Amino acid sequence: MKRIAVLFSGKGSNFAHIVKELHQKEFEVVVALTNNPNAEGIEVAKAASIPFEIIDSKMYKSREAFDATVVEQLQQYSPDLTVLAGFMRILTPVFTEQIKAINLHPSLLPRHKGLNAIEKSYEDAYPAGGVSVHYVTSELDGGEVILQKEIAKEGLSFEAYDKKIRHIEKEALVEAIRIVLT
């Protein structure tokens, strides 16, 4: 069974969806890792008996030092793929040149890289927004796109748009994991 590592920073809702849809069915989530000691996603890992690592990014003097520790921890679990599911860190080549990873981004890349992508996408002139799953490189949200899912914005309040984005991102992430690992 192919092995997945999942990195997250917050609620872990995308991580929870990966566990529900894929863990011990098609793939094994061998570790969950967060940079936030208070991340709610830790409870997801505990509930599923998945090993988890907390590496507090605030304890490191540089991004490179943090990334080196993350790489060292991940390598102990030998994942076939690392999945960034709401991992709110810009990764350096220390990570990107050693770890095969994919990232979920809540816009149709190359539009709206970085933070606040849902808001920027909702407010832009395009009739549709959506989500992208792409390979992680040292360029922020710049790796090759694996897949995109699109939704029409017409008639949607921001709240409705945001809810639809958060729904399709879970589907997109699971689909992209299957594409990459099968």
Foldseek 3Di string as FASTA:
>chain_A
DAEEEEEAEAACPLVLLCCVPPDPPPYHHQEYEYLHPPHNSVVSCVVSVHHYYHNNPVVDPDLLVSLLVVLVVVVVRPGPEYEYDHHQDQHACSNLVRHWYKYKDLWDPPPDFDPPSLVVRLPDPDQKTWMWIATDHNPGVPHHTQDIDIDGNPPDDSVRSVVVRVVVSSVNRNVSVVVVPD
